[in-house]
Every structure is written in structure tokens, then in C-alpha cells.
Protein backbone atom coordinates (compact mmCIF):
# COMPACT_ATOMS: atom_id res chain seq x y z
CA MET A 1 130.10 111.00 99.85
CA GLY A 2 130.77 111.01 96.20
CA PHE A 3 133.59 109.08 94.63
CA SER A 4 135.43 109.19 91.36
CA ILE A 5 136.76 106.61 89.01
CA ARG A 6 140.08 107.33 87.28
CA THR A 7 140.89 105.68 84.02
CA SER A 8 143.83 106.05 81.78
CA TYR A 9 144.08 105.06 78.19
CA SER A 10 146.26 105.73 75.17
CA CYS A 11 145.56 105.63 71.48
CA ASN A 12 148.91 104.12 70.62
CA THR A 13 152.15 103.44 72.43
CA HIS A 14 153.94 106.69 71.34
CA THR A 15 151.37 109.23 72.53
CA LYS A 16 150.87 110.76 75.99
CA HIS A 17 148.67 109.01 78.43
CA ARG A 18 145.44 110.88 78.99
CA GLN A 19 143.61 110.65 82.29
CA SER A 20 139.91 111.23 82.69
CA THR A 21 137.90 111.48 85.80
CA LEU A 22 134.31 110.25 85.87
CA ALA A 23 132.51 111.99 88.79
CA VAL A 24 129.60 110.08 90.25
CA PRO A 25 127.07 112.30 92.04
CA LYS A 26 126.48 111.96 95.76
CA ALA A 27 123.96 109.36 96.85
CA VAL A 28 120.44 110.42 97.69
CA SER A 29 119.76 110.45 101.38
CA PHE A 30 118.41 107.11 102.44
CA SER A 31 116.17 108.68 105.10
CA ILE A 32 114.03 110.24 102.32
CA ILE A 33 113.78 106.93 100.48
CA ILE A 34 112.91 105.03 103.69
CA SER A 35 110.15 107.54 104.61
CA VAL A 36 108.62 107.38 101.14
CA MET A 37 108.68 103.58 101.23
CA ARG A 38 106.97 103.60 104.65
CA VAL A 39 104.17 105.71 103.26
CA VAL A 40 103.79 103.49 100.21
CA THR A 41 103.84 100.36 102.42
CA ASN A 42 101.17 101.81 104.75
CA ILE A 43 98.94 102.77 101.82
CA LEU A 44 99.24 99.21 100.34
CA ILE A 45 98.50 97.63 103.71
CA LEU A 46 95.43 99.80 104.17
CA VAL A 47 94.16 98.99 100.69
CA ALA A 48 94.61 95.33 101.36
CA GLY A 49 92.75 95.73 104.65
CA VAL A 50 89.86 97.43 102.93
CA VAL A 51 89.63 94.68 100.33
CA VAL A 52 89.94 91.73 102.71
CA SER A 53 87.52 93.16 105.27
CA GLY A 54 85.00 93.93 102.49
CA ILE A 55 85.19 90.40 101.16
CA ALA A 56 84.86 88.97 104.73
CA ALA A 57 81.94 91.26 105.40
CA ALA A 58 80.14 90.29 102.18
CA ALA A 59 80.66 86.62 102.88
CA SER A 60 79.44 86.83 106.48
CA VAL A 61 76.35 88.89 105.59
CA THR A 62 75.49 86.51 102.78
CA VAL A 63 75.60 83.58 105.17
CA MET A 64 73.57 85.51 107.79
CA ALA A 65 70.88 86.44 105.16
CA GLN A 66 70.61 82.86 103.93
CA ALA A 67 70.29 81.58 107.47
CA GLY A 68 67.47 84.04 108.16
CA ALA A 69 69.31 86.09 110.80
CA LEU A 70 68.27 89.34 109.11
CA GLY A 71 64.56 88.70 109.46
CA ALA A 72 61.92 87.08 107.32
CA CYS A 73 62.40 87.38 103.56
CA PHE A 74 59.03 88.82 102.56
CA GLY A 75 59.49 90.41 99.16
CA GLU A 76 63.27 90.18 99.25
CA GLY A 77 63.37 92.32 102.42
CA CYS A 78 66.31 90.37 103.88
CA GLY A 79 68.37 91.25 100.82
CA TYR A 80 67.88 94.97 101.32
CA ALA A 81 68.52 94.68 105.03
CA GLY A 82 71.77 92.81 104.31
CA LEU A 83 72.92 95.24 101.62
CA PHE A 84 72.08 98.50 103.26
CA LEU A 85 72.34 97.76 106.96
CA ALA A 86 74.30 94.64 107.86
CA PHE A 87 77.01 94.85 105.14
CA PRO A 88 78.21 98.42 105.91
CA LEU A 89 78.10 97.83 109.65
CA THR A 90 79.94 94.55 109.36
CA TRP A 91 82.52 96.08 107.04
CA PHE A 92 83.08 99.00 109.39
CA VAL A 93 83.60 96.70 112.41
CA LEU A 94 85.92 94.35 110.58
CA PHE A 95 88.00 97.24 109.13
CA SER A 96 88.18 98.85 112.58
CA LEU A 97 89.51 95.58 114.01
CA PHE A 98 92.05 95.45 111.16
CA LEU A 99 93.20 99.01 111.93
CA MET A 100 93.54 98.29 115.61
CA ALA A 101 95.60 95.15 114.91
CA MET A 102 97.81 97.07 112.42
CA LEU A 103 98.44 99.93 114.84
CA ILE A 104 99.32 97.55 117.67
CA TRP A 105 101.50 95.35 115.43
CA ARG A 106 103.42 98.29 113.89
CA ARG A 107 103.87 100.28 117.08
CA LYS A 108 107.53 101.14 117.64
CA PRO A 109 108.97 100.35 121.06
CA LYS A 110 110.26 103.19 123.18
CA ARG A 111 114.04 103.49 123.07
CA ASP A 112 116.20 104.71 125.89
CA TYR A 113 119.01 106.90 124.63
């Protein structure tokens, strides 16, 4: 679906008119651009989900450790339990919930053709 632009010009009034045609290449298929943008958008949404769920997990585990929900703090034991047990588990659960919500929200409805 290319198109061309025709221009005419002359150097002075007594010379022949010269016509030139500027050919514009055909447009790139929009389906390729749309599919690439969908992939980029999905990657950005997943990165944002990892970051937000990690921050939420860190905040919730910090509150749980300070409240004593991870056990007694003998020799900083609650810090290790929070860092190596509660934080990864909480992050995994929150990110799984985020993925479920994203998949449900972005699901395409069935179309009858």
C-alpha cells in the first residue's frame, strides 16, 4: 500500500517542467508491531509485579518479625527466620496471586465468528 508524491518544479520560466516521483516504501505490517508491543508490555508488567510483590513481602515480614510472629528473638534468630524462610515464601505467594490476577484480567473473551 505504498503511495507516491509527485512534485513539479522549474528553474526558470523558459525551461521545461521536470517531474520527479518520490516513492515511499510500503508500511510495515501492524500485526508484527502489535505482537512485539504485547510482549514488551507483558515483560514490563511482570517486572513491576516482581518488584511490588517483593516490596510488599519485605514490609509484611518486617512487621511480622517485629511483632514476634516468627518466634522468640534469641540471638537474632527471628531475623534469620524472616530472611530465609518467611520472606521467600511470602514473596512467592504474593507473586503467584499477582500472576493469577493478571491472567484473569488479561484473558481474551471467546468470539463467535
